[in-house]
Every structure is written in C-alpha cells, then in structure tokens.
C-alpha cells in the first residue's frame, strides 16, 4: 500500500511552518564558548524548509567594494569546487545517499526537506570551467569526467586529481591544462557506503601530497541504527596516497563536511554538522582544528563533555576524553564549505576562513543560507563571523540558492557552489 499521501498530510498538519523570522543564530552561540541551553524533546523537530524561487534579475548580496557574478549556470547539483594550478575550476556535481527511513518522523522530515532541494537529476560528473583570457568570464566549459558515483571532495597532489565519490576515493592522472580526463579513474581505497545516511565524503591533501584526508559522516543522527552501522564512520581518515592504506585520524565527528589545510602549516581543519532533535539552539555546528588521535564526542556527548542522554549504552570513559571544538558557528546552519583566505581577497578578509552554510531545515526561524567569514588572529578563530555572501534566503521568505562548497582562488576570488539554483558564483574585490 502506498502511504505517501497520508504521511504527507500528517507532516503538514503536525508541523507549523512559520514565516521567516530572520536567519541569524543566537549571537551567544558564536565562538569558543557557546551558550548551550537545556535539551528539548518533541515528537517532531520544528521545521521551516526552503521555499525555492528563481533568482530572476536578483543576485546574492556581497560587501561594499566587492562584486558577484554567475560564471556557470544550469549545472547538475554542484557541490564542491577546486581551483586548479592554471586557474581552471573543477566542479563536482551529484547527489548520493540511500539510507532507508527508520521511523514515520524520518519519512515526514524527508518529504519536507526534499521540497527545499533541486529537482535536477544528479550529474555524477566533474565539469571544468576555463577563463581563457583572464577577464572573469569562464567561456569554456567541458565535462572532465563522467559516470562517477556522487562525487564530492576534490584535491590535486603530485600529478594526480583525487575525487572522493560516495563509495570510493579515486584518482585520475592530471597534467596542467587538461580539459578532460585521459582515462577512467583508479581506485585508491573504498569508502564506507553501506546505508550512507551521510553520503558526502570531504577531501583534502597534505602539503607534501603524501596523505589524503577524507571526512566520513555518521549513518544516523545519534546511532538509531546501532553502533555496527557506524564502524569506520563519524571520523576523518588519513589515507596513504601511494598505497591506499588508511587509519582513523580523528573520531567522534558526526559529519565532517569540508576539510582544509591551514596555509603555511600541516594543520587540518574541518567544519562539522552536529546532531539534531535537541531543540533550535542545540547542537552548534562548528569549525575546528582536527587533532590527530582526538575524539570529538559523537555520539556520546556534544561540545566536549555534555552528555547526550538519548544514546544507549552510554560511555563515560569516552566522554571523559572528548575534546571541545574550537569555534561554534551556531546551531543547524549546516556548514558544508571551508576555505582559508589570502591577502588577495582584501585587507578585511585576508586572515581567516570562508564557510559555506547550506541552511537549516529544523528550526522555525531559519539560519545559515549564506557564506560567512570567520576572522583569525594568531592562527586561530578570533572574532565574530561576518556575512560575506548573503541574500540566498530572501526577505520574502523565498530561497533562491543554498551555498555548499567555497574555494579561494589565490588570484583574488571566492568561488561558491549553489546547489539549489545550480550556479557557480564568483566574488571578487573591486579594484
């Protein structure tokens, strides 16, 4: 029997979708010591999902003395981007995941969330964009590789292009200037893909190209499928690029959706999506340095040693070892992009990171739906986030875009993938 109709009716009679009340998290939740309210319990989380609308003649908003242009449209769910050494841009396009729903509330939430995503077919490909004359218009567009399996993370190192598909880390031979792959990819190592509740596999390479780091999300919110389903998940792998041998580098990271190496160091950083269904202001998504061997709490605790009482059996020993993250971005902003800036982005935005926030679904007042800049001081986050690209969620309550990956072009541009309008945006200082 088909239950989709009754379930959809239950969803909309059980959940009141309020009008837009702004998209600013509680300011007390920014930074190293966020305010954490008491957990809340409910049959269903509060929901306000994106209501898609076309951009028309509108554009996202950027700071004064910056301009934004759409350099590619009509893509097939662009997720992450990579600026190649010669300035070409690679775009990973696709959507994965195959996790069965466990409870009626999962079906309800899935139906509602789907209304705020693109209806375009998954590209399962890499598209290359080229600006041949350096004028900021990317007039050449080719399919670099096709028939991939929900590609997401991208990295170039030591003559290879690495791609983190949802089921495997693969590589292509790469020579500067290529516009399409010279052959099929070679598998470096398989990646956990059974169930694939969190399917995205983030990726970056060590500065010397010896190691690859792969972020692998959990298979649940808080172990509803049991711990067996979480083997090798909710962690960052360190992979030997030559052999494919891998080991856990850091654990307890519920969904590490983007990875980056801090320039001039070997320090790995990540943005992480935390757990749901504890209320609109729990648990903060975060930006953190990723310490080798560290445990960051999931599933047993959050923000260090705050125990999640829903998890059974509990594990006090693991909780005692949990490391608090470095910087809270606010609860449910859904951070999916991370890139360190350079001086070419202008003095105000020279030292820090850009974070792409896809936007909430489980709050009555939406948050995220923008790219923020987190300033650094002495190599660490050191101030309040600044809106850098906003306007994706409009004052009219319509959603025209949802940022995912962000990449800094060292020549002075921020590249933003928007997987709702299927657009790549380019933000540059006005000189």
Protein backbone atom coordinates (compact mmCIF):
# COMPACT_ATOMS: atom_id res chain seq x y z
CA UNK A 1 0.00 0.00 0.00
CA UNK A 2 1.27 3.48 -0.80
CA UNK A 3 1.37 5.59 2.38
CA UNK A 4 2.97 8.69 0.85
CA UNK A 5 -0.27 10.68 0.73
CA UNK A 6 -1.32 10.16 4.39
CA UNK A 7 2.22 10.71 5.61
CA UNK A 8 2.47 13.99 3.73
CA UNK A 9 -0.84 15.07 5.25
CA UNK A 10 0.38 14.18 8.73
CA UNK A 11 3.54 16.17 8.07
CA UNK A 12 1.76 19.37 7.22
CA UNK A 13 -0.89 19.06 9.92
CA UNK A 14 1.73 18.27 12.57
CA UNK A 15 4.30 20.91 11.69
CA UNK A 16 3.53 24.61 11.53
CA UNK A 17 5.92 26.29 9.12
CA UNK A 18 6.28 29.80 10.44
CA UNK A 19 7.07 32.88 8.40
CA UNK A 20 10.69 33.85 8.06
CA UNK A 21 11.93 35.44 11.27
CA UNK A 22 15.46 36.20 10.07
CA UNK A 23 18.48 33.98 9.63
CA UNK A 24 20.77 34.99 12.46
CA UNK A 25 21.62 32.41 15.15
CA UNK A 26 21.70 33.46 18.77
CA UNK A 27 24.87 35.62 18.98
CA UNK A 28 25.71 33.88 22.26
CA UNK A 29 26.33 30.75 20.23
CA UNK A 30 29.27 32.12 18.26
CA UNK A 31 32.85 31.41 19.24
CA UNK A 32 34.81 29.20 21.56
CA UNK A 33 32.34 29.14 24.46
CA UNK A 34 28.80 28.98 23.07
CA UNK A 35 25.74 29.19 25.29
CA UNK A 36 24.17 25.74 25.40
CA UNK A 37 20.52 25.65 26.53
CA UNK A 38 18.86 22.64 28.09
CA UNK A 39 17.90 19.95 25.56
CA UNK A 40 14.32 19.97 24.30
CA UNK A 41 12.30 16.93 23.32
CA UNK A 42 9.48 16.78 20.78
CA UNK A 43 7.69 14.28 18.59
CA UNK A 44 8.93 16.16 15.54
CA UNK A 45 11.55 18.90 15.31
CA UNK A 46 10.31 22.36 14.38
CA UNK A 47 10.64 22.82 10.62
CA UNK A 48 10.89 25.70 8.20
CA UNK A 49 12.14 24.41 4.90
CA UNK A 50 13.43 26.38 1.96
CA UNK A 51 10.74 27.59 -0.47
CA UNK A 52 12.63 27.67 -3.78
CA UNK A 53 12.27 30.56 -6.22
CA UNK A 54 14.35 31.62 -9.25
CA UNK A 55 16.93 34.39 -8.96
CA UNK A 56 15.46 36.29 -11.90
CA UNK A 57 17.36 39.58 -12.10
CA UNK A 58 18.50 39.33 -8.45
CA UNK A 59 21.89 38.25 -7.14
CA UNK A 60 23.31 37.36 -3.74
CA UNK A 61 24.49 40.26 -1.61
CA UNK A 62 28.21 40.90 -1.04
CA UNK A 63 30.08 43.60 0.94
CA UNK A 64 30.69 47.07 -0.44
CA UNK A 65 33.59 47.16 -2.90
CA UNK A 66 33.02 43.53 -3.94
CA UNK A 67 31.13 42.21 -6.92
CA UNK A 68 29.46 38.87 -7.56
CA UNK A 69 28.85 37.20 -10.91
CA UNK A 70 27.40 33.87 -12.01
CA UNK A 71 30.14 32.13 -14.00
CA UNK A 72 28.22 28.90 -14.66
CA UNK A 73 24.51 28.03 -14.58
CA UNK A 74 22.33 25.03 -15.42
CA UNK A 75 24.66 22.61 -13.68
CA UNK A 76 23.58 19.29 -12.16
CA UNK A 77 23.78 19.84 -8.39
CA UNK A 78 27.20 21.48 -7.91
CA UNK A 79 28.59 20.62 -4.50
CA UNK A 80 32.33 21.30 -4.17
CA UNK A 81 34.81 23.14 -6.37
CA UNK A 82 38.57 23.15 -6.84
CA UNK A 83 40.74 25.83 -8.41
CA UNK A 84 43.42 24.04 -10.43
CA UNK A 85 47.02 25.34 -10.66
CA UNK A 86 46.37 27.07 -14.01
CA UNK A 87 43.19 28.78 -12.75
CA UNK A 88 40.66 26.35 -14.22
CA UNK A 89 37.80 25.44 -11.90
CA UNK A 90 36.58 21.89 -11.38
CA UNK A 91 33.03 21.37 -10.15
CA UNK A 92 31.85 18.12 -8.53
CA UNK A 93 28.18 17.56 -9.38
CA UNK A 94 25.89 14.99 -7.87
CA UNK A 95 23.72 13.75 -5.05
CA UNK A 96 24.04 10.46 -3.20
CA UNK A 97 22.70 8.59 -0.22
CA UNK A 98 20.49 5.54 0.06
CA UNK A 99 19.57 5.30 3.74
CA UNK A 100 16.18 3.71 4.45
CA UNK A 101 13.85 5.59 6.78
CA UNK A 102 13.59 4.14 10.28
CA UNK A 103 10.52 5.84 11.73
CA UNK A 104 7.47 7.76 10.47
CA UNK A 105 9.11 11.03 11.55
CA UNK A 106 12.02 10.27 9.19
CA UNK A 107 9.61 9.91 6.29
CA UNK A 108 7.87 13.15 7.24
CA UNK A 109 11.12 15.07 7.58
CA UNK A 110 12.41 13.63 4.31
CA UNK A 111 9.34 14.73 2.39
CA UNK A 112 9.57 18.25 3.77
CA UNK A 113 13.33 18.61 3.29
CA UNK A 114 13.07 17.43 -0.32
CA UNK A 115 10.91 20.46 -1.11
CA UNK A 116 13.91 22.69 -0.44
CA UNK A 117 16.34 20.96 -2.80
CA UNK A 118 16.94 20.98 -6.53
CA UNK A 119 14.80 18.71 -8.67
CA UNK A 120 17.59 18.43 -11.25
CA UNK A 121 19.00 14.97 -11.96
CA UNK A 122 22.30 14.15 -10.26
CA UNK A 123 25.21 14.94 -12.58
CA UNK A 124 27.65 12.31 -11.24
CA UNK A 125 30.40 14.13 -13.09
CA UNK A 126 33.16 16.73 -12.93
CA UNK A 127 32.74 19.86 -15.03
CA UNK A 128 35.72 22.07 -15.90
CA UNK A 129 35.35 25.84 -16.31
CA UNK A 130 38.04 27.89 -18.09
CA UNK A 131 38.56 31.63 -18.35
CA UNK A 132 40.82 31.71 -21.41
CA UNK A 133 41.65 35.43 -21.40
CA UNK A 134 41.54 36.20 -17.67
CA UNK A 135 38.63 38.62 -17.85
CA UNK A 136 36.49 36.82 -15.25
CA UNK A 137 34.20 35.18 -17.82
CA UNK A 138 34.53 31.40 -17.97
CA UNK A 139 33.64 30.92 -21.60
CA UNK A 140 34.89 27.34 -21.94
CA UNK A 141 33.03 24.51 -20.23
CA UNK A 142 33.74 20.80 -20.64
CA UNK A 143 32.88 17.56 -18.87
CA UNK A 144 36.18 16.48 -17.34
CA UNK A 145 34.89 13.10 -16.13
CA UNK A 146 31.50 11.39 -16.12
CA UNK A 147 29.79 8.29 -14.73
CA UNK A 148 31.10 8.92 -11.22
CA UNK A 149 29.24 7.95 -8.06
CA UNK A 150 28.10 11.13 -6.31
CA UNK A 151 31.49 12.89 -6.37
CA UNK A 152 32.07 15.44 -3.61
CA UNK A 153 35.58 16.06 -2.25
CA UNK A 154 38.35 17.18 -4.64
CA UNK A 155 42.14 17.56 -4.31
CA UNK A 156 45.19 17.84 -6.56
CA UNK A 157 48.58 16.50 -5.44
CA UNK A 158 51.72 15.10 -7.03
CA UNK A 159 50.40 14.84 -10.59
CA UNK A 160 47.04 13.36 -9.64
CA UNK A 161 43.49 14.59 -9.26
CA UNK A 162 41.75 12.88 -6.36
CA UNK A 163 37.98 12.58 -6.12
CA UNK A 164 36.01 11.33 -3.13
CA UNK A 165 32.96 9.55 -4.51
CA UNK A 166 30.35 8.39 -2.03
CA UNK A 167 31.75 4.85 -2.17
CA UNK A 168 35.45 5.21 -3.02
CA UNK A 169 38.43 7.54 -3.16
CA UNK A 170 39.67 7.53 -6.76
CA UNK A 171 42.38 9.29 -8.76
CA UNK A 172 43.00 10.50 -12.27
CA UNK A 173 46.34 11.30 -13.85
CA UNK A 174 46.45 15.07 -14.18
CA UNK A 175 48.57 17.40 -16.30
CA UNK A 176 48.09 21.14 -16.11
CA UNK A 177 45.77 22.37 -18.84
CA UNK A 178 43.80 19.16 -19.34
CA UNK A 179 40.14 19.76 -20.14
CA UNK A 180 39.06 16.14 -19.79
CA UNK A 181 40.40 13.02 -18.12
CA UNK A 182 42.81 10.85 -20.08
CA UNK A 183 41.18 7.63 -18.89
CA UNK A 184 39.00 6.03 -16.23
CA UNK A 185 39.78 6.63 -12.56
CA UNK A 186 41.88 4.28 -10.44
CA UNK A 187 40.52 3.35 -7.03
CA UNK A 188 42.81 4.38 -4.16
CA UNK A 189 40.60 2.85 -1.46
CA UNK A 190 36.99 2.02 -0.87
CA UNK A 191 34.99 4.22 1.49
CA UNK A 192 32.12 3.22 3.80
CA UNK A 193 28.94 3.37 1.74
CA UNK A 194 26.51 0.80 3.14
CA UNK A 195 23.33 2.66 4.13
CA UNK A 196 25.09 6.07 3.59
CA UNK A 197 22.84 8.24 5.74
CA UNK A 198 25.50 10.95 5.45
CA UNK A 199 26.88 10.26 1.98
CA UNK A 200 29.21 13.19 1.35
CA UNK A 201 32.92 12.41 1.55
CA UNK A 202 35.03 15.52 2.07
CA UNK A 203 38.67 15.59 0.99
CA UNK A 204 41.95 17.46 1.21
CA UNK A 205 45.64 16.60 0.73
CA UNK A 206 48.63 17.19 2.97
CA UNK A 207 51.01 19.89 1.69
CA UNK A 208 53.55 17.29 0.55
CA UNK A 209 50.89 15.17 -1.16
CA UNK A 210 51.80 12.09 0.85
CA UNK A 211 48.50 11.82 2.68
CA UNK A 212 44.87 12.39 1.85
CA UNK A 213 42.29 13.20 4.49
CA UNK A 214 38.71 12.00 3.99
CA UNK A 215 35.78 13.12 6.11
CA UNK A 216 33.17 10.41 6.61
CA UNK A 217 29.81 11.20 8.23
CA UNK A 218 27.76 9.03 10.57
CA UNK A 219 25.00 6.70 9.45
CA UNK A 220 22.44 8.26 11.78
CA UNK A 221 21.58 11.21 13.93
CA UNK A 222 22.58 9.52 17.20
CA UNK A 223 23.10 5.77 16.48
CA UNK A 224 19.47 4.85 15.76
CA UNK A 225 20.80 2.07 13.53
CA UNK A 226 23.15 0.75 16.21
CA UNK A 227 26.91 1.08 16.53
CA UNK A 228 27.62 -1.66 13.99
CA UNK A 229 26.35 0.68 11.28
CA UNK A 230 28.84 3.31 12.50
CA UNK A 231 32.03 1.29 12.02
CA UNK A 232 34.64 3.49 10.27
CA UNK A 233 32.25 6.44 10.27
CA UNK A 234 31.90 9.80 12.03
CA UNK A 235 35.60 10.37 11.61
CA UNK A 236 38.40 11.62 9.40
CA UNK A 237 40.57 9.02 7.70
CA UNK A 238 44.22 9.56 6.87
CA UNK A 239 44.95 7.74 3.60
CA UNK A 240 48.40 6.98 2.19
CA UNK A 241 48.16 8.37 -1.35
CA UNK A 242 50.58 5.78 -2.77
CA UNK A 243 49.14 2.62 -1.25
CA UNK A 244 45.58 3.43 -0.14
CA UNK A 245 46.35 2.25 3.40
CA UNK A 246 44.19 4.18 5.83
CA UNK A 247 43.63 4.73 9.53
CA UNK A 248 41.37 6.85 11.74
CA UNK A 249 43.00 10.26 12.16
CA UNK A 250 40.32 11.76 14.43
CA UNK A 251 36.99 10.39 15.61
CA UNK A 252 33.68 11.50 17.13
CA UNK A 253 32.99 13.99 14.31
CA UNK A 254 29.34 13.46 13.40
CA UNK A 255 29.58 14.78 9.85
CA UNK A 256 32.84 16.46 8.79
CA UNK A 257 31.55 18.03 5.58
CA UNK A 258 34.60 20.03 4.46
CA UNK A 259 38.33 19.83 5.14
CA UNK A 260 41.21 22.24 4.56
CA UNK A 261 44.88 22.58 5.49
CA UNK A 262 45.83 25.89 7.11
CA UNK A 263 48.34 27.66 4.84
CA UNK A 264 51.95 27.53 5.99
CA UNK A 265 51.23 24.64 8.36
CA UNK A 266 50.28 20.97 8.33
CA UNK A 267 47.22 21.70 10.48
CA UNK A 268 43.98 20.11 9.31
CA UNK A 269 40.69 21.97 9.88
CA UNK A 270 37.08 20.93 9.35
CA UNK A 271 33.54 22.18 9.57
CA UNK A 272 31.20 19.67 11.20
CA UNK A 273 27.42 19.27 11.22
CA UNK A 274 26.25 18.28 14.69
CA UNK A 275 23.20 16.30 15.86
CA UNK A 276 19.51 17.21 15.62
CA UNK A 277 16.31 16.97 17.64
CA UNK A 278 17.51 18.63 20.84
CA UNK A 279 15.92 21.98 20.06
CA UNK A 280 16.55 25.02 17.84
CA UNK A 281 19.74 26.01 19.70
CA UNK A 282 21.32 22.59 20.11
CA UNK A 283 23.75 21.44 18.96
CA UNK A 284 26.03 24.08 17.39
CA UNK A 285 27.66 23.19 14.11
CA UNK A 286 31.32 24.07 14.33
CA UNK A 287 34.69 24.93 12.85
CA UNK A 288 37.63 23.15 14.44
CA UNK A 289 41.24 22.19 14.06
CA UNK A 290 41.40 18.42 13.76
CA UNK A 291 43.93 16.97 16.16
CA UNK A 292 45.49 13.60 15.43
CA UNK A 293 44.03 10.95 17.73
CA UNK A 294 41.42 13.29 19.22
CA UNK A 295 37.82 12.27 19.96
CA UNK A 296 35.19 15.00 19.50
CA UNK A 297 32.25 13.46 21.32
CA UNK A 298 29.81 11.92 18.87
CA UNK A 299 27.59 10.13 19.70
CA UNK A 300 28.02 10.12 23.45
CA UNK A 301 28.44 13.84 24.07
CA UNK A 302 28.46 17.22 22.37
CA UNK A 303 30.66 20.30 22.70
CA UNK A 304 33.09 18.39 24.84
CA UNK A 305 31.59 16.56 27.76
CA UNK A 306 27.87 17.47 27.54
CA UNK A 307 26.29 14.03 27.64
CA UNK A 308 23.56 13.16 25.14
CA UNK A 309 21.15 11.19 27.30
CA UNK A 310 19.44 9.64 24.27
CA UNK A 311 22.44 7.44 23.45
CA UNK A 312 22.39 3.93 24.86
CA UNK A 313 24.55 2.42 26.16
CA UNK A 314 26.41 5.44 27.44
CA UNK A 315 30.21 5.54 27.57
CA UNK A 316 31.59 7.71 30.41
CA UNK A 317 35.17 6.82 29.54
CA UNK A 318 34.82 8.17 26.01
CA UNK A 319 33.01 11.27 27.26
CA UNK A 320 35.88 11.97 29.65
CA UNK A 321 38.26 12.10 26.68
CA UNK A 322 36.07 14.28 24.45
CA UNK A 323 37.76 17.39 23.04
CA UNK A 324 35.64 20.55 22.62
CA UNK A 325 35.69 22.12 19.14
CA UNK A 326 37.41 25.45 18.51
CA UNK A 327 34.58 27.65 17.25
CA UNK A 328 30.79 27.48 17.18
CA UNK A 329 29.04 28.63 14.01
CA UNK A 330 25.54 28.37 15.51
CA UNK A 331 23.08 25.51 15.67
CA UNK A 332 21.80 23.93 12.46
CA UNK A 333 23.46 26.33 10.00
CA UNK A 334 24.59 23.22 8.04
CA UNK A 335 28.16 24.26 7.24
CA UNK A 336 29.28 22.46 4.05
CA UNK A 337 32.14 24.58 2.74
CA UNK A 338 35.54 25.67 4.12
CA UNK A 339 38.38 27.66 2.57
CA UNK A 340 41.26 29.69 4.01
CA UNK A 341 41.56 33.19 2.63
CA UNK A 342 44.54 35.06 1.17
CA UNK A 343 45.59 38.71 1.09
CA UNK A 344 44.25 38.93 -2.47
CA UNK A 345 40.72 38.93 -1.02
CA UNK A 346 41.27 42.36 0.54
CA UNK A 347 42.58 43.52 3.91
CA UNK A 348 39.34 42.95 5.85
CA UNK A 349 39.05 39.36 4.65
CA UNK A 350 42.74 38.42 4.37
CA UNK A 351 43.22 36.33 7.52
CA UNK A 352 40.54 33.78 8.25
CA UNK A 353 38.22 31.24 6.65
CA UNK A 354 35.14 31.37 4.48
CA UNK A 355 32.39 28.93 5.46
CA UNK A 356 29.51 27.94 3.18
CA UNK A 357 26.32 27.44 5.20
CA UNK A 358 23.68 25.42 3.36
CA UNK A 359 20.92 26.45 5.76
CA UNK A 360 18.68 24.93 8.39
CA UNK A 361 15.57 22.83 7.99
CA UNK A 362 14.84 22.04 11.66
CA UNK A 363 14.09 25.48 13.11
CA UNK A 364 11.07 27.75 12.81
CA UNK A 365 13.42 30.69 12.25
CA UNK A 366 15.88 29.69 9.50
CA UNK A 367 19.60 30.18 9.95
CA UNK A 368 22.52 29.78 7.58
CA UNK A 369 21.79 30.20 3.85
CA UNK A 370 24.93 32.31 3.41
CA UNK A 371 28.71 32.35 3.28
CA UNK A 372 30.37 33.78 6.38
CA UNK A 373 33.93 34.88 7.03
CA UNK A 374 35.47 33.87 10.37
CA UNK A 375 38.44 36.10 11.16
CA UNK A 376 41.62 34.56 12.58
CA UNK A 377 44.15 36.05 14.98
CA UNK A 378 47.48 34.35 15.68
CA UNK A 379 46.40 31.33 13.68
CA UNK A 380 43.10 30.75 15.49
CA UNK A 381 39.49 31.93 15.10
CA UNK A 382 39.41 35.35 16.73
CA UNK A 383 36.20 37.25 16.17
CA UNK A 384 32.51 37.28 15.24
CA UNK A 385 31.63 35.85 11.83
CA UNK A 386 30.93 38.38 9.10
CA UNK A 387 28.32 37.83 6.38
CA UNK A 388 30.22 37.72 3.09
CA UNK A 389 27.67 36.33 0.63
CA UNK A 390 24.04 36.51 1.75
CA UNK A 391 20.57 37.02 0.30
CA UNK A 392 20.07 33.36 -0.57
CA UNK A 393 17.12 33.36 1.82
CA UNK A 394 15.15 36.47 0.90
CA UNK A 395 13.10 38.87 2.98
CA UNK A 396 10.06 37.50 1.11
CA UNK A 397 10.65 34.07 2.66
CA UNK A 398 11.74 32.59 -0.68
CA UNK A 399 15.00 30.69 -1.09
CA UNK A 400 16.92 31.37 -4.28
CA UNK A 401 20.07 29.48 -3.52
CA UNK A 402 21.90 27.31 -1.00
CA UNK A 403 25.69 27.59 -0.65
CA UNK A 404 27.78 24.45 -0.43
CA UNK A 405 31.48 24.42 -1.30
CA UNK A 406 33.65 27.54 -1.15
CA UNK A 407 37.09 27.83 -2.72
CA UNK A 408 39.54 30.73 -2.71
CA UNK A 409 41.28 31.47 -6.00
CA UNK A 410 44.72 32.79 -4.95
CA UNK A 411 44.44 35.49 -7.63
CA UNK A 412 41.65 37.07 -5.59
CA UNK A 413 38.23 35.47 -5.93
CA UNK A 414 35.88 33.37 -3.86
CA UNK A 415 34.14 30.57 -5.75
CA UNK A 416 30.78 29.50 -4.31
CA UNK A 417 28.78 26.43 -5.37
CA UNK A 418 25.00 26.89 -5.09
CA UNK A 419 23.21 23.54 -5.33
CA UNK A 420 19.66 24.91 -5.34
CA UNK A 421 19.91 27.24 -8.35
CA UNK A 422 22.69 25.03 -9.80
CA UNK A 423 25.01 28.01 -10.17
CA UNK A 424 28.67 28.77 -9.55
CA UNK A 425 29.16 32.28 -8.18
CA UNK A 426 32.42 34.26 -8.24
CA UNK A 427 33.07 37.08 -5.76
CA UNK A 428 35.95 39.50 -6.35
CA UNK A 429 37.21 42.75 -4.86
CA UNK A 430 36.51 45.83 -6.99
CA UNK A 431 39.94 47.23 -7.83
